Each structure stands twice: as C-alpha cells, then as structure tokens.
Amino acid sequence: MTRYHPLLVALHWIMAVMVVVSLFFGKVLLSTMSNADPQKLQGLAGHMTVGLALGALLLLRLAVRFASANPPHAETGSPLLDKVGIATHWIMYLLIALMVLSGLGTALVGGLFPIVFGGNDEQLPANLSTLAPRLAHGLISNLLILFVLLHTCAALYHQFYLRDGLFRRMWFGSRGS
C-alpha cells in the first residue's frame, strides 16, 4: 500500500483549503476591520463556522488515520529530516486543534455566539483583540502559517527535487498503486 485512505486524502485537501481560507480571513480581512463595522459580523460568522467545521473534520481525520492502514513514513535520505517530517505532521494537527480551541475560547469569553449568530444589534466587544484566548489565537495562527509553509516546501522538495512520487500518496487513486 502506497497511498493514504481515500477519506484521509479527501479530508486533507478539504481541510487544507479551509485552513488557508480561515487564515486569510483572519489575518487579512477581519484584522483590518473595525469592531463596529457590520461587515465584520458577517465575516466572523463565516470564520467561526469554518473553524468549528475544521474542528469536527480534524476529529474525523484523526479517527480515520488511527483506524486505517497508512503507508510508511516518507524518507528523505536524512534521518533528521525524516523525524522533522513526522513531527511536523503531528504539530500541524496540534496547531489546528489549538486554533479551534482558542477560537472557541475567544467566542465564549467575548460572548460572540449571540452577537454573531443571534441576529441582535449588539456590537462586538471593544476589548475583543486583547482577550487572552484571542491573543493566543493570533500567536497560534502565526505558527500555523509557518508550519503550512514548511509542509508545502517539503512536499515540493519531495516532488521536484527528490522526485520520489510522495505527492501521489496524498492524491486520489487506487491505494495499491
């Protein structure tokens, strides 16, 4: 077996798009909007919905990963890089979980659920950006961006420098091929 379970492949790519979209929304769009801007509520509704969905998909992904047979870990020819690759995957899972939890913490501490989804005329709290879970959310997002870039560079290194066909493992196709 040289490929991951088809559900893991689908979850990988769905979650990859969701993570990039969420990071873009949070870092580029939402962070530049005033808390008094009504458009920010709509953006937060989407950001929070995607974040909660990512949490659910992460749980599903981990369950499938532990329940299914997986190909052996990738080899680069360097034992150190091989260990870094394994650690990077688990750190990314951890960072996504921490993003979801810190986002949920921000929503709970800031009272965001009734404001964003309740349809009332309340404004976002003025101190939203200084809440401890929100500060953690921002710091973790920076780490997640770093690890997404590291993961992407490693995949490109395997594909175009090592030419070891690693990309096929996380793409659609027969598991035996």
N, C-alpha and C. Protein backbone atom coordinates (compact mmCIF):
# COMPACT_ATOMS: atom_id res chain seq x y z
N MET A 1 0.84 -1.18 0.00
CA MET A 1 0.00 0.00 0.00
C MET A 1 0.89 1.24 0.00
N THR A 2 0.63 2.12 -0.96
CA THR A 2 1.47 3.31 -1.10
C THR A 2 0.69 4.61 -0.93
N ARG A 3 -0.62 4.49 -0.75
CA ARG A 3 -1.44 5.70 -0.62
C ARG A 3 -2.21 5.68 0.70
N TYR A 4 -2.59 6.88 1.10
CA TYR A 4 -3.44 7.01 2.28
C TYR A 4 -4.87 6.62 1.93
N HIS A 5 -5.64 6.33 2.96
CA HIS A 5 -7.06 6.00 2.80
C HIS A 5 -7.74 7.14 2.02
N PRO A 6 -8.64 6.82 1.10
CA PRO A 6 -9.29 7.87 0.29
C PRO A 6 -9.98 8.95 1.13
N LEU A 7 -10.55 8.56 2.27
CA LEU A 7 -11.19 9.56 3.12
C LEU A 7 -10.13 10.50 3.71
N LEU A 8 -8.97 9.98 4.06
CA LEU A 8 -7.89 10.84 4.56
C LEU A 8 -7.42 11.81 3.48
N VAL A 9 -7.35 11.32 2.25
CA VAL A 9 -6.94 12.18 1.14
C VAL A 9 -7.96 13.31 0.97
N ALA A 10 -9.23 12.96 0.94
CA ALA A 10 -10.28 13.98 0.79
C ALA A 10 -10.24 14.97 1.95
N LEU A 11 -10.12 14.46 3.17
CA LEU A 11 -10.08 15.35 4.33
C LEU A 11 -8.85 16.24 4.30
N HIS A 12 -7.72 15.72 3.85
CA HIS A 12 -6.50 16.53 3.76
C HIS A 12 -6.73 17.75 2.88
N TRP A 13 -7.28 17.54 1.69
CA TRP A 13 -7.43 18.64 0.74
C TRP A 13 -8.56 19.58 1.14
N ILE A 14 -9.65 19.04 1.66
CA ILE A 14 -10.74 19.90 2.14
C ILE A 14 -10.23 20.77 3.29
N MET A 15 -9.55 20.15 4.24
CA MET A 15 -9.04 20.90 5.38
C MET A 15 -7.96 21.90 4.97
N ALA A 16 -7.14 21.54 4.00
CA ALA A 16 -6.10 22.46 3.54
C ALA A 16 -6.72 23.75 3.01
N VAL A 17 -7.76 23.60 2.19
CA VAL A 17 -8.45 24.78 1.66
C VAL A 17 -9.08 25.57 2.80
N MET A 18 -9.74 24.87 3.72
CA MET A 18 -10.40 25.56 4.83
C MET A 18 -9.40 26.30 5.72
N VAL A 19 -8.24 25.70 5.98
CA VAL A 19 -7.22 26.35 6.80
C VAL A 19 -6.71 27.61 6.11
N VAL A 20 -6.40 27.51 4.82
CA VAL A 20 -5.89 28.67 4.09
C VAL A 20 -6.94 29.78 4.05
N VAL A 21 -8.19 29.43 3.78
CA VAL A 21 -9.26 30.43 3.75
C VAL A 21 -9.43 31.07 5.12
N SER A 22 -9.43 30.27 6.17
CA SER A 22 -9.59 30.82 7.53
C SER A 22 -8.44 31.74 7.90
N LEU A 23 -7.22 31.33 7.58
CA LEU A 23 -6.07 32.18 7.88
C LEU A 23 -6.13 33.48 7.10
N PHE A 24 -6.53 33.41 5.84
CA PHE A 24 -6.67 34.62 5.03
C PHE A 24 -7.73 35.54 5.63
N PHE A 25 -8.89 34.97 5.96
CA PHE A 25 -9.96 35.79 6.54
C PHE A 25 -9.50 36.45 7.83
N GLY A 26 -8.87 35.66 8.71
CA GLY A 26 -8.46 36.20 10.00
C GLY A 26 -7.35 37.21 9.90
N LYS A 27 -6.32 36.90 9.12
CA LYS A 27 -5.13 37.75 9.06
C LYS A 27 -5.29 38.96 8.15
N VAL A 28 -6.01 38.78 7.04
CA VAL A 28 -6.06 39.85 6.04
C VAL A 28 -7.35 40.66 6.14
N LEU A 29 -8.48 39.99 6.27
CA LEU A 29 -9.75 40.71 6.23
C LEU A 29 -10.23 41.15 7.61
N LEU A 30 -10.46 40.20 8.50
CA LEU A 30 -11.06 40.53 9.79
C LEU A 30 -10.18 41.44 10.64
N SER A 31 -8.88 41.23 10.60
CA SER A 31 -7.98 42.02 11.44
C SER A 31 -7.93 43.49 11.03
N THR A 32 -8.32 43.79 9.80
CA THR A 32 -8.28 45.18 9.34
C THR A 32 -9.61 45.90 9.51
N MET A 33 -10.65 45.18 9.92
CA MET A 33 -11.98 45.78 10.06
C MET A 33 -12.21 46.26 11.49
N SER A 34 -12.91 47.36 11.60
CA SER A 34 -13.30 47.87 12.91
C SER A 34 -14.35 46.95 13.53
N ASN A 35 -14.33 46.84 14.85
CA ASN A 35 -15.35 46.03 15.52
C ASN A 35 -16.74 46.60 15.35
N ALA A 36 -16.84 47.87 14.99
CA ALA A 36 -18.15 48.49 14.77
C ALA A 36 -18.67 48.26 13.35
N ASP A 37 -17.84 47.74 12.47
CA ASP A 37 -18.23 47.51 11.08
C ASP A 37 -19.17 46.31 11.00
N PRO A 38 -20.41 46.50 10.49
CA PRO A 38 -21.35 45.38 10.40
C PRO A 38 -20.85 44.25 9.50
N GLN A 39 -20.00 44.56 8.53
CA GLN A 39 -19.43 43.53 7.67
C GLN A 39 -18.55 42.56 8.46
N LYS A 40 -17.97 43.06 9.56
CA LYS A 40 -17.11 42.20 10.37
C LYS A 40 -17.93 41.06 10.99
N LEU A 41 -19.18 41.34 11.35
CA LEU A 41 -20.03 40.29 11.92
C LEU A 41 -20.26 39.18 10.90
N GLN A 42 -20.50 39.56 9.65
CA GLN A 42 -20.69 38.55 8.60
C GLN A 42 -19.41 37.75 8.38
N GLY A 43 -18.29 38.44 8.36
CA GLY A 43 -17.01 37.76 8.20
C GLY A 43 -16.72 36.82 9.35
N LEU A 44 -17.01 37.29 10.57
CA LEU A 44 -16.81 36.44 11.75
C LEU A 44 -17.72 35.23 11.73
N ALA A 45 -18.93 35.39 11.24
CA ALA A 45 -19.86 34.25 11.16
C ALA A 45 -19.27 33.17 10.27
N GLY A 46 -18.73 33.56 9.13
CA GLY A 46 -18.10 32.59 8.24
C GLY A 46 -16.85 31.99 8.85
N HIS A 47 -16.01 32.85 9.44
CA HIS A 47 -14.76 32.41 10.05
C HIS A 47 -15.02 31.41 11.19
N MET A 48 -16.00 31.73 12.02
CA MET A 48 -16.33 30.85 13.15
C MET A 48 -16.93 29.53 12.67
N THR A 49 -17.78 29.60 11.67
CA THR A 49 -18.39 28.39 11.13
C THR A 49 -17.34 27.46 10.53
N VAL A 50 -16.44 28.03 9.75
CA VAL A 50 -15.37 27.23 9.15
C VAL A 50 -14.47 26.67 10.25
N GLY A 51 -14.18 27.47 11.27
CA GLY A 51 -13.34 27.00 12.37
C GLY A 51 -13.95 25.82 13.11
N LEU A 52 -15.24 25.91 13.40
CA LEU A 52 -15.91 24.80 14.08
C LEU A 52 -15.95 23.56 13.19
N ALA A 53 -16.19 23.77 11.90
CA ALA A 53 -16.19 22.64 10.96
C ALA A 53 -14.81 22.00 10.89
N LEU A 54 -13.76 22.82 10.92
CA LEU A 54 -12.39 22.29 10.92
C LEU A 54 -12.15 21.42 12.14
N GLY A 55 -12.67 21.85 13.28
CA GLY A 55 -12.52 21.04 14.49
C GLY A 55 -13.16 19.68 14.34
N ALA A 56 -14.36 19.64 13.78
CA ALA A 56 -15.07 18.37 13.57
C ALA A 56 -14.32 17.51 12.56
N LEU A 57 -13.86 18.12 11.47
CA LEU A 57 -13.12 17.36 10.45
C LEU A 57 -11.79 16.84 10.99
N LEU A 58 -11.15 17.61 11.86
CA LEU A 58 -9.90 17.15 12.46
C LEU A 58 -10.13 15.89 13.29
N LEU A 59 -11.20 15.88 14.08
CA LEU A 59 -11.52 14.69 14.86
C LEU A 59 -11.77 13.49 13.96
N LEU A 60 -12.53 13.71 12.88
CA LEU A 60 -12.79 12.63 11.93
C LEU A 60 -11.48 12.16 11.29
N ARG A 61 -10.65 13.11 10.91
CA ARG A 61 -9.38 12.76 10.25
C ARG A 61 -8.49 11.93 11.17
N LEU A 62 -8.40 12.32 12.43
CA LEU A 62 -7.59 11.56 13.37
C LEU A 62 -8.16 10.16 13.59
N ALA A 63 -9.49 10.07 13.68
CA ALA A 63 -10.12 8.75 13.85
C ALA A 63 -9.82 7.85 12.67
N VAL A 64 -9.95 8.37 11.46
CA VAL A 64 -9.67 7.57 10.26
C VAL A 64 -8.18 7.21 10.19
N ARG A 65 -7.34 8.15 10.55
CA ARG A 65 -5.89 7.89 10.49
C ARG A 65 -5.50 6.75 11.43
N PHE A 66 -6.07 6.75 12.63
CA PHE A 66 -5.74 5.69 13.59
C PHE A 66 -6.41 4.36 13.24
N ALA A 67 -7.55 4.42 12.56
CA ALA A 67 -8.31 3.20 12.26
C ALA A 67 -7.89 2.55 10.94
N SER A 68 -7.17 3.26 10.10
CA SER A 68 -6.82 2.70 8.79
C SER A 68 -5.32 2.43 8.70
N ALA A 69 -4.98 1.56 7.76
CA ALA A 69 -3.57 1.30 7.48
C ALA A 69 -3.01 2.48 6.69
N ASN A 70 -1.80 2.86 7.01
CA ASN A 70 -1.17 4.00 6.35
C ASN A 70 0.15 3.57 5.73
N PRO A 71 0.57 4.25 4.65
CA PRO A 71 1.87 3.92 4.07
C PRO A 71 2.99 4.26 5.07
N PRO A 72 4.16 3.69 4.87
CA PRO A 72 5.28 4.01 5.77
C PRO A 72 5.64 5.50 5.65
N HIS A 73 6.28 6.00 6.69
CA HIS A 73 6.69 7.41 6.68
C HIS A 73 7.64 7.67 5.51
N ALA A 74 7.57 8.89 5.02
CA ALA A 74 8.43 9.29 3.90
C ALA A 74 9.89 9.29 4.34
N GLU A 75 10.75 8.99 3.40
CA GLU A 75 12.18 9.02 3.67
C GLU A 75 12.85 10.01 2.73
N THR A 76 13.75 10.79 3.31
CA THR A 76 14.46 11.81 2.53
C THR A 76 15.92 11.43 2.29
N GLY A 77 16.39 10.42 3.00
CA GLY A 77 17.81 10.10 2.98
C GLY A 77 18.52 10.67 4.18
N SER A 78 17.82 11.49 4.95
CA SER A 78 18.38 12.08 6.17
C SER A 78 17.50 11.67 7.35
N PRO A 79 18.02 10.92 8.30
CA PRO A 79 17.20 10.54 9.46
C PRO A 79 16.64 11.74 10.21
N LEU A 80 17.41 12.82 10.28
CA LEU A 80 16.93 14.02 10.96
C LEU A 80 15.73 14.62 10.23
N LEU A 81 15.84 14.78 8.91
CA LEU A 81 14.71 15.33 8.14
C LEU A 81 13.50 14.42 8.20
N ASP A 82 13.72 13.11 8.23
CA ASP A 82 12.60 12.17 8.35
C ASP A 82 11.85 12.40 9.66
N LYS A 83 12.60 12.59 10.75
CA LYS A 83 11.97 12.85 12.05
C LYS A 83 11.26 14.20 12.07
N VAL A 84 11.87 15.20 11.43
CA VAL A 84 11.24 16.52 11.34
C VAL A 84 9.91 16.42 10.58
N GLY A 85 9.89 15.63 9.51
CA GLY A 85 8.66 15.45 8.74
C GLY A 85 7.55 14.83 9.57
N ILE A 86 7.88 13.79 10.33
CA ILE A 86 6.89 13.15 11.19
C ILE A 86 6.39 14.14 12.24
N ALA A 87 7.32 14.83 12.89
CA ALA A 87 6.94 15.79 13.93
C ALA A 87 6.08 16.92 13.36
N THR A 88 6.42 17.37 12.16
CA THR A 88 5.68 18.47 11.54
C THR A 88 4.21 18.12 11.35
N HIS A 89 3.94 16.89 10.92
CA HIS A 89 2.54 16.49 10.73
C HIS A 89 1.77 16.53 12.05
N TRP A 90 2.36 16.01 13.11
CA TRP A 90 1.66 15.99 14.40
C TRP A 90 1.54 17.40 14.97
N ILE A 91 2.55 18.24 14.76
CA ILE A 91 2.47 19.63 15.22
C ILE A 91 1.37 20.37 14.48
N MET A 92 1.20 20.10 13.19
CA MET A 92 0.12 20.75 12.44
C MET A 92 -1.25 20.33 12.98
N TYR A 93 -1.42 19.05 13.29
CA TYR A 93 -2.67 18.61 13.91
C TYR A 93 -2.89 19.36 15.22
N LEU A 94 -1.85 19.45 16.03
CA LEU A 94 -1.95 20.14 17.31
C LEU A 94 -2.29 21.62 17.12
N LEU A 95 -1.62 22.27 16.18
CA LEU A 95 -1.89 23.70 15.95
C LEU A 95 -3.32 23.94 15.46
N ILE A 96 -3.82 23.07 14.60
CA ILE A 96 -5.21 23.22 14.15
C ILE A 96 -6.15 23.04 15.34
N ALA A 97 -5.90 22.05 16.18
CA ALA A 97 -6.73 21.85 17.37
C ALA A 97 -6.66 23.07 18.29
N LEU A 98 -5.47 23.62 18.49
CA LEU A 98 -5.32 24.80 19.34
C LEU A 98 -5.98 26.03 18.73
N MET A 99 -5.96 26.14 17.41
CA MET A 99 -6.67 27.24 16.75
C MET A 99 -8.16 27.14 17.02
N VAL A 100 -8.70 25.94 16.87
CA VAL A 100 -10.14 25.75 17.11
C VAL A 100 -10.47 26.06 18.56
N LEU A 101 -9.67 25.55 19.49
CA LEU A 101 -9.94 25.76 20.91
C LEU A 101 -9.77 27.23 21.31
N SER A 102 -8.75 27.89 20.80
CA SER A 102 -8.57 29.31 21.14
C SER A 102 -9.65 30.17 20.48
N GLY A 103 -10.10 29.78 19.30
CA GLY A 103 -11.21 30.49 18.67
C GLY A 103 -12.50 30.30 19.45
N LEU A 104 -12.73 29.07 19.90
CA LEU A 104 -13.90 28.79 20.73
C LEU A 104 -13.80 29.55 22.05
N GLY A 105 -12.61 29.59 22.63
CA GLY A 105 -12.40 30.35 23.87
C GLY A 105 -12.67 31.83 23.67
N THR A 106 -12.22 32.37 22.55
CA THR A 106 -12.48 33.78 22.24
C THR A 106 -13.97 34.03 22.12
N ALA A 107 -14.67 33.13 21.43
CA ALA A 107 -16.12 33.29 21.26
C ALA A 107 -16.84 33.22 22.59
N LEU A 108 -16.43 32.32 23.46
CA LEU A 108 -17.10 32.18 24.76
C LEU A 108 -16.80 33.35 25.69
N VAL A 109 -15.52 33.69 25.83
CA VAL A 109 -15.13 34.78 26.72
C VAL A 109 -15.68 36.12 26.21
N GLY A 110 -15.67 36.30 24.90
CA GLY A 110 -16.15 37.55 24.31
C GLY A 110 -17.65 37.60 24.09
N GLY A 111 -18.36 36.52 24.40
CA GLY A 111 -19.81 36.49 24.19
C GLY A 111 -20.19 36.62 22.72
N LEU A 112 -19.40 36.03 21.84
CA LEU A 112 -19.59 36.24 20.40
C LEU A 112 -20.75 35.46 19.80
N PHE A 113 -21.07 34.29 20.33
CA PHE A 113 -22.11 33.49 19.69
C PHE A 113 -23.44 34.24 19.58
N PRO A 114 -23.96 34.85 20.66
CA PRO A 114 -25.22 35.59 20.49
C PRO A 114 -25.08 36.85 19.64
N ILE A 115 -23.89 37.45 19.66
CA ILE A 115 -23.69 38.67 18.86
C ILE A 115 -23.61 38.32 17.38
N VAL A 116 -22.82 37.31 17.05
CA VAL A 116 -22.57 36.96 15.65
C VAL A 116 -23.73 36.18 15.04
N PHE A 117 -24.29 35.25 15.80
CA PHE A 117 -25.32 34.37 15.25
C PHE A 117 -26.72 34.66 15.77
N GLY A 118 -26.84 35.56 16.75
CA GLY A 118 -28.12 35.80 17.39
C GLY A 118 -29.03 36.77 16.67
N GLY A 119 -28.48 37.53 15.74
CA GLY A 119 -29.31 38.46 14.99
C GLY A 119 -29.71 39.70 15.77
N ASN A 120 -29.08 39.93 16.92
CA ASN A 120 -29.42 41.15 17.66
C ASN A 120 -28.52 42.29 17.20
N ASP A 121 -28.70 43.44 17.76
CA ASP A 121 -27.95 44.62 17.32
C ASP A 121 -26.73 44.91 18.19
N GLU A 122 -26.32 43.95 18.98
CA GLU A 122 -25.14 44.17 19.82
C GLU A 122 -23.90 44.29 18.96
N GLN A 123 -22.96 45.08 19.45
CA GLN A 123 -21.68 45.22 18.76
C GLN A 123 -20.66 44.29 19.39
N LEU A 124 -19.62 44.05 18.66
CA LEU A 124 -18.52 43.25 19.20
C LEU A 124 -17.88 43.99 20.36
N PRO A 125 -17.39 43.26 21.34
CA PRO A 125 -16.75 43.94 22.48
C PRO A 125 -15.53 44.75 22.02
N ALA A 126 -15.37 45.91 22.60
CA ALA A 126 -14.25 46.78 22.23
C ALA A 126 -12.91 46.14 22.57
N ASN A 127 -12.90 45.29 23.60
CA ASN A 127 -11.64 44.68 24.04
C ASN A 127 -11.39 43.31 23.40
N LEU A 128 -12.11 42.99 22.33
CA LEU A 128 -12.01 41.67 21.71
C LEU A 128 -10.57 41.29 21.38
N SER A 129 -9.82 42.22 20.82
CA SER A 129 -8.45 41.89 20.38
C SER A 129 -7.48 41.70 21.54
N THR A 130 -7.88 42.07 22.76
CA THR A 130 -6.98 41.93 23.90
C THR A 130 -7.37 40.77 24.82
N LEU A 131 -8.43 40.04 24.48
CA LEU A 131 -8.81 38.88 25.29
C LEU A 131 -7.72 37.81 25.18
N ALA A 132 -7.43 37.16 26.28
CA ALA A 132 -6.35 36.15 26.30
C ALA A 132 -6.52 35.07 25.23
N PRO A 133 -7.73 34.49 25.07
CA PRO A 133 -7.84 33.47 24.02
C PRO A 133 -7.63 34.05 22.62
N ARG A 134 -8.01 35.31 22.42
CA ARG A 134 -7.81 35.95 21.11
C ARG A 134 -6.33 36.19 20.85
N LEU A 135 -5.59 36.59 21.88
CA LEU A 135 -4.15 36.77 21.73
C LEU A 135 -3.48 35.43 21.38
N ALA A 136 -3.91 34.38 22.08
CA ALA A 136 -3.38 33.04 21.78
C ALA A 136 -3.73 32.64 20.35
N HIS A 137 -4.96 32.93 19.93
CA HIS A 137 -5.43 32.60 18.58
C HIS A 137 -4.51 33.24 17.53
N GLY A 138 -4.15 34.50 17.75
CA GLY A 138 -3.27 35.20 16.82
C GLY A 138 -1.87 34.60 16.79
N LEU A 139 -1.32 34.28 17.96
CA LEU A 139 0.02 33.70 18.01
C LEU A 139 0.04 32.31 17.37
N ILE A 140 -0.97 31.51 17.68
CA ILE A 140 -1.03 30.16 17.11
C ILE A 140 -1.19 30.24 15.59
N SER A 141 -1.95 31.22 15.13
CA SER A 141 -2.13 31.35 13.67
C SER A 141 -0.79 31.63 12.98
N ASN A 142 0.08 32.41 13.63
CA ASN A 142 1.41 32.66 13.05
C ASN A 142 2.21 31.37 12.96
N LEU A 143 2.14 30.56 14.01
CA LEU A 143 2.84 29.27 13.98
C LEU A 143 2.25 28.35 12.91
N LEU A 144 0.93 28.36 12.79
CA LEU A 144 0.29 27.50 11.79
C LEU A 144 0.71 27.92 10.38
N ILE A 145 0.77 29.21 10.13
CA ILE A 145 1.24 29.69 8.82
C ILE A 145 2.65 29.18 8.55
N LEU A 146 3.52 29.28 9.54
CA LEU A 146 4.89 28.81 9.40
C LEU A 146 4.92 27.31 9.06
N PHE A 147 4.11 26.52 9.77
CA PHE A 147 4.12 25.07 9.53
C PHE A 147 3.45 24.70 8.21
N VAL A 148 2.45 25.45 7.80
CA VAL A 148 1.84 25.20 6.48
C VAL A 148 2.88 25.46 5.39
N LEU A 149 3.63 26.54 5.53
CA LEU A 149 4.69 26.84 4.55
C LEU A 149 5.78 25.77 4.57
N LEU A 150 6.17 25.33 5.76
CA LEU A 150 7.18 24.27 5.88
C LEU A 150 6.68 22.98 5.22
N HIS A 151 5.43 22.63 5.49
CA HIS A 151 4.82 21.42 4.92
C HIS A 151 4.77 21.52 3.38
N THR A 152 4.37 22.68 2.88
CA THR A 152 4.28 22.90 1.43
C THR A 152 5.67 22.82 0.79
N CYS A 153 6.65 23.45 1.41
CA CYS A 153 8.02 23.40 0.87
C CYS A 153 8.54 21.96 0.88
N ALA A 154 8.25 21.21 1.93
CA ALA A 154 8.70 19.82 1.99
C ALA A 154 8.04 18.99 0.89
N ALA A 155 6.75 19.21 0.66
CA ALA A 155 6.06 18.47 -0.41
C ALA A 155 6.67 18.81 -1.77
N LEU A 156 6.97 20.08 -1.99
CA LEU A 156 7.60 20.49 -3.26
C LEU A 156 9.01 19.92 -3.38
N TYR A 157 9.74 19.86 -2.28
CA TYR A 157 11.08 19.26 -2.25
C TYR A 157 11.01 17.79 -2.67
N HIS A 158 10.05 17.08 -2.10
CA HIS A 158 9.88 15.67 -2.47
C HIS A 158 9.49 15.53 -3.95
N GLN A 159 8.59 16.37 -4.39
CA GLN A 159 8.05 16.24 -5.75
C GLN A 159 9.08 16.62 -6.81
N PHE A 160 9.77 17.74 -6.61
CA PHE A 160 10.60 18.28 -7.69
C PHE A 160 12.10 18.07 -7.50
N TYR A 161 12.57 17.87 -6.27
CA TYR A 161 14.00 17.65 -6.07
C TYR A 161 14.29 16.15 -5.90
N LEU A 162 13.63 15.52 -4.95
CA LEU A 162 13.84 14.08 -4.75
C LEU A 162 13.15 13.24 -5.82
N ARG A 163 12.08 13.78 -6.38
CA ARG A 163 11.30 13.08 -7.41
C ARG A 163 10.92 11.66 -6.97
N ASP A 164 10.46 11.58 -5.72
CA ASP A 164 10.15 10.27 -5.16
C ASP A 164 8.66 9.91 -5.23
N GLY A 165 7.87 10.76 -5.89
CA GLY A 165 6.45 10.45 -6.06
C GLY A 165 5.64 10.55 -4.79
N LEU A 166 6.17 11.23 -3.79
CA LEU A 166 5.48 11.32 -2.50
C LEU A 166 4.09 11.95 -2.63
N PHE A 167 3.96 12.88 -3.53
CA PHE A 167 2.68 13.59 -3.71
C PHE A 167 1.54 12.62 -4.01
N ARG A 168 1.83 11.55 -4.72
CA ARG A 168 0.78 10.57 -5.08
C ARG A 168 0.14 9.94 -3.85
N ARG A 169 0.89 9.85 -2.75
CA ARG A 169 0.35 9.22 -1.54
C ARG A 169 -0.85 9.98 -0.99
N MET A 170 -0.86 11.29 -1.19
CA MET A 170 -1.94 12.12 -0.66
C MET A 170 -2.78 12.68 -1.80
N TRP A 171 -2.89 11.91 -2.88
CA TRP A 171 -3.74 12.28 -4.00
C TRP A 171 -4.70 11.13 -4.26
N PHE A 172 -5.66 11.38 -5.10
CA PHE A 172 -6.72 10.41 -5.35
C PHE A 172 -6.25 9.32 -6.30
N GLY A 173 -6.63 8.10 -6.02
CA GLY A 173 -6.27 6.97 -6.86
C GLY A 173 -6.33 5.68 -6.07
N SER A 174 -6.01 4.60 -6.72
CA SER A 174 -6.03 3.29 -6.08
C SER A 174 -4.98 3.23 -4.98
N ARG A 175 -5.31 2.63 -3.85
CA ARG A 175 -4.37 2.55 -2.73
C ARG A 175 -3.20 1.64 -3.01
N GLY A 176 -3.34 0.73 -3.93
CA GLY A 176 -2.25 -0.20 -4.21
C GLY A 176 -1.25 0.33 -5.21
N SER A 177 -1.58 1.46 -5.85
CA SER A 177 -0.70 1.97 -6.92
C SER A 177 0.27 3.01 -6.41
